[in-house]
Amino acid sequence: MTHMNELLIELSDDAELTREDRYAQQQRLRIAIAHKGNHHREETEERREQLTRSGTII
């Protein structure tokens, strides 16, 4: 995630991209960051369910 945030900053400073291209690339990266966060949360919830049964940690 940290690396993705660093890429957002680099895109902001990229003088070779037009404003529209920069915005499009940043949006794609923001969507990827959001999906990664959702995937991590889902994995954590699934792991918790696997480790607990009937409210007891096994």
PDB file of N, CA and C in Angstrom:
ATOM      1  N   MET A   1       0.815  -1.188   0.000  1.00  0.00           N
ATOM      2  CA  MET A   1       0.000   0.000   0.000  1.00  0.00           C
ATOM      3  C   MET A   1       0.864   1.258   0.000  1.00  0.00           C
ATOM      4  N   THR A   2       1.922   1.243   0.782  1.00  0.00           N
ATOM      5  CA  THR A   2       2.795   2.408   0.837  1.00  0.00           C
ATOM      6  C   THR A   2       3.354   2.707  -0.541  1.00  0.00           C
ATOM      7  N   HIS A   3       3.764   1.661  -1.246  1.00  0.00           N
ATOM      8  CA  HIS A   3       4.315   1.848  -2.587  1.00  0.00           C
ATOM      9  C   HIS A   3       3.281   2.469  -3.523  1.00  0.00           C
ATOM     10  N   MET A   4       2.039   2.051  -3.404  1.00  0.00           N
ATOM     11  CA  MET A   4       0.987   2.607  -4.251  1.00  0.00           C
ATOM     12  C   MET A   4       0.780   4.089  -3.958  1.00  0.00           C
ATOM     13  N   ASN A   5       0.843   4.464  -2.703  1.00  0.00           N
ATOM     14  CA  ASN A   5       0.716   5.878  -2.348  1.00  0.00           C
ATOM     15  C   ASN A   5       1.886   6.689  -2.888  1.00  0.00           C
ATOM     16  N   GLU A   6       3.079   6.105  -2.867  1.00  0.00           N
ATOM     17  CA  GLU A   6       4.243   6.782  -3.438  1.00  0.00           C
ATOM     18  C   GLU A   6       4.057   6.988  -4.938  1.00  0.00           C
ATOM     19  N   LEU A   7       3.443   6.010  -5.613  1.00  0.00           N
ATOM     20  CA  LEU A   7       3.174   6.148  -7.040  1.00  0.00           C
ATOM     21  C   LEU A   7       2.195   7.288  -7.309  1.00  0.00           C
ATOM     22  N   LEU A   8       1.215   7.460  -6.441  1.00  0.00           N
ATOM     23  CA  LEU A   8       0.283   8.579  -6.597  1.00  0.00           C
ATOM     24  C   LEU A   8       1.024   9.908  -6.560  1.00  0.00           C
ATOM     25  N   ILE A   9       1.965  10.020  -5.657  1.00  0.00           N
ATOM     26  CA  ILE A   9       2.753  11.254  -5.533  1.00  0.00           C
ATOM     27  C   ILE A   9       3.604  11.464  -6.780  1.00  0.00           C
ATOM     28  N   GLU A  10       4.243  10.388  -7.258  1.00  0.00           N
ATOM     29  CA  GLU A  10       5.058  10.495  -8.468  1.00  0.00           C
ATOM     30  C   GLU A  10       4.221  10.913  -9.670  1.00  0.00           C
ATOM     31  N   LEU A  11       3.012  10.375  -9.775  1.00  0.00           N
ATOM     32  CA  LEU A  11       2.134  10.763 -10.877  1.00  0.00           C
ATOM     33  C   LEU A  11       1.785  12.250 -10.811  1.00  0.00           C
ATOM     34  N   SER A  12       1.635  12.762  -9.612  1.00  0.00           N
ATOM     35  CA  SER A  12       1.319  14.181  -9.450  1.00  0.00           C
ATOM     36  C   SER A  12       2.426  15.066  -9.994  1.00  0.00           C
ATOM     37  N   ASP A  13       3.665  14.589  -9.911  1.00  0.00           N
ATOM     38  CA  ASP A  13       4.822  15.376 -10.325  1.00  0.00           C
ATOM     39  C   ASP A  13       5.280  15.087 -11.750  1.00  0.00           C
ATOM     40  N   ASP A  14       4.621  14.176 -12.445  1.00  0.00           N
ATOM     41  CA  ASP A  14       5.051  13.778 -13.788  1.00  0.00           C
ATOM     42  C   ASP A  14       4.660  14.841 -14.819  1.00  0.00           C
ATOM     43  N   ALA A  15       5.647  15.595 -15.280  1.00  0.00           N
ATOM     44  CA  ALA A  15       5.406  16.683 -16.221  1.00  0.00           C
ATOM     45  C   ALA A  15       5.148  16.178 -17.640  1.00  0.00           C
ATOM     46  N   GLU A  16       5.450  14.916 -17.909  1.00  0.00           N
ATOM     47  CA  GLU A  16       5.265  14.372 -19.255  1.00  0.00           C
ATOM     48  C   GLU A  16       3.808  14.009 -19.544  1.00  0.00           C
ATOM     49  N   LEU A  17       3.010  13.873 -18.507  1.00  0.00           N
ATOM     50  CA  LEU A  17       1.599  13.531 -18.682  1.00  0.00           C
ATOM     51  C   LEU A  17       0.747  14.791 -18.751  1.00  0.00           C
ATOM     52  N   THR A  18      -0.300  14.714 -19.551  1.00  0.00           N
ATOM     53  CA  THR A  18      -1.263  15.815 -19.541  1.00  0.00           C
ATOM     54  C   THR A  18      -2.060  15.727 -18.245  1.00  0.00           C
ATOM     55  N   ARG A  19      -2.742  16.789 -17.924  1.00  0.00           N
ATOM     56  CA  ARG A  19      -3.538  16.804 -16.701  1.00  0.00           C
ATOM     57  C   ARG A  19      -4.582  15.688 -16.729  1.00  0.00           C
ATOM     58  N   GLU A  20      -5.210  15.493 -17.889  1.00  0.00           N
ATOM     59  CA  GLU A  20      -6.241  14.462 -18.018  1.00  0.00           C
ATOM     60  C   GLU A  20      -5.649  13.066 -17.867  1.00  0.00           C
ATOM     61  N   ASP A  21      -4.488  12.830 -18.488  1.00  0.00           N
ATOM     62  CA  ASP A  21      -3.832  11.522 -18.369  1.00  0.00           C
ATOM     63  C   ASP A  21      -3.401  11.254 -16.928  1.00  0.00           C
ATOM     64  N   ARG A  22      -2.874  12.274 -16.284  1.00  0.00           N
ATOM     65  CA  ARG A  22      -2.442  12.140 -14.892  1.00  0.00           C
ATOM     66  C   ARG A  22      -3.639  11.770 -14.021  1.00  0.00           C
ATOM     67  N   TYR A  23      -4.757  12.457 -14.220  1.00  0.00           N
ATOM     68  CA  TYR A  23      -5.969  12.185 -13.445  1.00  0.00           C
ATOM     69  C   TYR A  23      -6.448  10.754 -13.678  1.00  0.00           C
ATOM     70  N   ALA A  24      -6.461  10.314 -14.937  1.00  0.00           N
ATOM     71  CA  ALA A  24      -6.921   8.963 -15.265  1.00  0.00           C
ATOM     72  C   ALA A  24      -6.034   7.910 -14.596  1.00  0.00           C
ATOM     73  N   GLN A  25      -4.716   8.114 -14.644  1.00  0.00           N
ATOM     74  CA  GLN A  25      -3.792   7.160 -14.026  1.00  0.00           C
ATOM     75  C   GLN A  25      -3.961   7.139 -12.505  1.00  0.00           C
ATOM     76  N   GLN A  26      -4.140   8.313 -11.922  1.00  0.00           N
ATOM     77  CA  GLN A  26      -4.333   8.372 -10.468  1.00  0.00           C
ATOM     78  C   GLN A  26      -5.628   7.684 -10.059  1.00  0.00           C
ATOM     79  N   GLN A  27      -6.677   7.851 -10.846  1.00  0.00           N
ATOM     80  CA  GLN A  27      -7.947   7.191 -10.540  1.00  0.00           C
ATOM     81  C   GLN A  27      -7.794   5.673 -10.612  1.00  0.00           C
ATOM     82  N   ARG A  28      -7.098   5.182 -11.633  1.00  0.00           N
ATOM     83  CA  ARG A  28      -6.867   3.740 -11.750  1.00  0.00           C
ATOM     84  C   ARG A  28      -6.110   3.225 -10.532  1.00  0.00           C
ATOM     85  N   LEU A  29      -5.126   3.978 -10.085  1.00  0.00           N
ATOM     86  CA  LEU A  29      -4.339   3.567  -8.934  1.00  0.00           C
ATOM     87  C   LEU A  29      -5.169   3.621  -7.650  1.00  0.00           C
ATOM     88  N   ARG A  30      -5.992   4.638  -7.505  1.00  0.00           N
ATOM     89  CA  ARG A  30      -6.863   4.725  -6.319  1.00  0.00           C
ATOM     90  C   ARG A  30      -7.825   3.545  -6.262  1.00  0.00           C
ATOM     91  N   ILE A  31      -8.361   3.157  -7.404  1.00  0.00           N
ATOM     92  CA  ILE A  31      -9.269   2.004  -7.454  1.00  0.00           C
ATOM     93  C   ILE A  31      -8.515   0.733  -7.054  1.00  0.00           C
ATOM     94  N   ALA A  32      -7.288   0.582  -7.544  1.00  0.00           N
ATOM     95  CA  ALA A  32      -6.477  -0.595  -7.189  1.00  0.00           C
ATOM     96  C   ALA A  32      -6.197  -0.621  -5.688  1.00  0.00           C
ATOM     97  N   ILE A  33      -5.907   0.538  -5.109  1.00  0.00           N
ATOM     98  CA  ILE A  33      -5.649   0.618  -3.664  1.00  0.00           C
ATOM     99  C   ILE A  33      -6.906   0.215  -2.889  1.00  0.00           C
ATOM    100  N   ALA A  34      -8.054   0.698  -3.328  1.00  0.00           N
ATOM    101  CA  ALA A  34      -9.310   0.364  -2.645  1.00  0.00           C
ATOM    102  C   ALA A  34      -9.600  -1.132  -2.732  1.00  0.00           C
ATOM    103  N   HIS A  35      -9.381  -1.722  -3.897  1.00  0.00           N
ATOM    104  CA  HIS A  35      -9.623  -3.156  -4.064  1.00  0.00           C
ATOM    105  C   HIS A  35      -8.683  -3.970  -3.181  1.00  0.00           C
ATOM    106  N   LYS A  36      -7.438  -3.539  -3.083  1.00  0.00           N
ATOM    107  CA  LYS A  36      -6.476  -4.250  -2.244  1.00  0.00           C
ATOM    108  C   LYS A  36      -6.900  -4.179  -0.775  1.00  0.00           C
ATOM    109  N   GLY A  37      -7.369  -3.025  -0.343  1.00  0.00           N
ATOM    110  CA  GLY A  37      -7.842  -2.874   1.035  1.00  0.00           C
ATOM    111  C   GLY A  37      -9.041  -3.755   1.313  1.00  0.00           C
ATOM    112  N   ASN A  38      -9.969  -3.827   0.379  1.00  0.00           N
ATOM    113  CA  ASN A  38     -11.150  -4.676   0.542  1.00  0.00           C
ATOM    114  C   ASN A  38     -10.757  -6.145   0.577  1.00  0.00           C
ATOM    115  N   HIS A  39      -9.829  -6.536  -0.287  1.00  0.00           N
ATOM    116  CA  HIS A  39      -9.388  -7.930  -0.345  1.00  0.00           C
ATOM    117  C   HIS A  39      -8.720  -8.321   0.973  1.00  0.00           C
ATOM    118  N   HIS A  40      -7.892  -7.437   1.517  1.00  0.00           N
ATOM    119  CA  HIS A  40      -7.211  -7.721   2.786  1.00  0.00           C
ATOM    120  C   HIS A  40      -8.231  -7.886   3.911  1.00  0.00           C
ATOM    121  N   ARG A  41      -9.242  -7.027   3.948  1.00  0.00           N
ATOM    122  CA  ARG A  41     -10.269  -7.115   4.983  1.00  0.00           C
ATOM    123  C   ARG A  41     -11.038  -8.430   4.863  1.00  0.00           C
ATOM    124  N   GLU A  42     -11.366  -8.821   3.637  1.00  0.00           N
ATOM    125  CA  GLU A  42     -12.086 -10.082   3.426  1.00  0.00           C
ATOM    126  C   GLU A  42     -11.249 -11.269   3.872  1.00  0.00           C
ATOM    127  N   GLU A  43      -9.953 -11.252   3.571  1.00  0.00           N
ATOM    128  CA  GLU A  43      -9.072 -12.342   4.005  1.00  0.00           C
ATOM    129  C   GLU A  43      -9.006 -12.415   5.525  1.00  0.00           C
ATOM    130  N   THR A  44      -8.944 -11.263   6.173  1.00  0.00           N
ATOM    131  CA  THR A  44      -8.886 -11.225   7.632  1.00  0.00           C
ATOM    132  C   THR A  44     -10.160 -11.799   8.236  1.00  0.00           C
ATOM    133  N   GLU A  45     -11.308 -11.421   7.707  1.00  0.00           N
ATOM    134  CA  GLU A  45     -12.587 -11.937   8.204  1.00  0.00           C
ATOM    135  C   GLU A  45     -12.692 -13.446   7.975  1.00  0.00           C
ATOM    136  N   GLU A  46     -12.258 -13.899   6.811  1.00  0.00           N
ATOM    137  CA  GLU A  46     -12.303 -15.335   6.514  1.00  0.00           C
ATOM    138  C   GLU A  46     -11.398 -16.107   7.470  1.00  0.00           C
ATOM    139  N   ARG A  47     -10.228 -15.569   7.724  1.00  0.00           N
ATOM    140  CA  ARG A  47      -9.284 -16.224   8.647  1.00  0.00           C
ATOM    141  C   ARG A  47      -9.874 -16.298  10.053  1.00  0.00           C
ATOM    142  N   ARG A  48     -10.529 -15.219  10.491  1.00  0.00           N
ATOM    143  CA  ARG A  48     -11.142 -15.202  11.816  1.00  0.00           C
ATOM    144  C   ARG A  48     -12.228 -16.267  11.913  1.00  0.00           C
ATOM    145  N   GLU A  49     -13.018 -16.403  10.853  1.00  0.00           N
ATOM    146  CA  GLU A  49     -14.065 -17.421  10.837  1.00  0.00           C
ATOM    147  C   GLU A  49     -13.475 -18.824  10.903  1.00  0.00           C
ATOM    148  N   GLN A  50     -12.346 -19.037  10.227  1.00  0.00           N
ATOM    149  CA  GLN A  50     -11.708 -20.347  10.246  1.00  0.00           C
ATOM    150  C   GLN A  50     -11.158 -20.679  11.617  1.00  0.00           C
ATOM    151  N   LEU A  51     -10.685 -19.647  12.340  1.00  0.00           N
ATOM    152  CA  LEU A  51     -10.071 -19.885  13.647  1.00  0.00           C
ATOM    153  C   LEU A  51     -11.083 -19.988  14.771  1.00  0.00           C
ATOM    154  N   THR A  52     -12.296 -19.540  14.543  1.00  0.00           N
ATOM    155  CA  THR A  52     -13.294 -19.580  15.612  1.00  0.00           C
ATOM    156  C   THR A  52     -14.453 -20.478  15.216  1.00  0.00           C
ATOM    157  N   ARG A  53     -14.942 -21.185  16.187  1.00  0.00           N
ATOM    158  CA  ARG A  53     -16.117 -22.013  15.984  1.00  0.00           C
ATOM    159  C   ARG A  53     -16.969 -21.900  17.241  1.00  0.00           C
ATOM    160  N   SER A  54     -18.206 -21.579  17.029  1.00  0.00           N
ATOM    161  CA  SER A  54     -19.146 -21.427  18.151  1.00  0.00           C
ATOM    162  C   SER A  54     -18.636 -20.393  19.149  1.00  0.00           C
ATOM    163  N   GLY A  55     -17.959 -19.361  18.662  1.00  0.00           N
ATOM    164  CA  GLY A  55     -17.473 -18.296  19.538  1.00  0.00           C
ATOM    165  C   GLY A  55     -16.210 -18.651  20.293  1.00  0.00           C
ATOM    166  N   THR A  56     -15.603 -19.810  20.012  1.00  0.00           N
ATOM    167  CA  THR A  56     -14.403 -20.226  20.715  1.00  0.00           C
ATOM    168  C   THR A  56     -13.227 -20.269  19.752  1.00  0.00           C
ATOM    169  N   ILE A  57     -12.128 -19.661  20.162  1.00  0.00           N
ATOM    170  CA  ILE A  57     -10.929 -19.707  19.341  1.00  0.00           C
ATOM    171  C   ILE A  57     -10.298 -21.078  19.494  1.00  0.00           C
ATOM    172  N   ILE A  58     -10.021 -21.718  18.356  1.00  0.00           N
ATOM    173  CA  ILE A  58      -9.429 -23.057  18.421  1.00  0.00           C
ATOM    174  C   ILE A  58      -7.950 -23.012  18.131  1.00  0.00           C
TER     175      ILE A  58
END
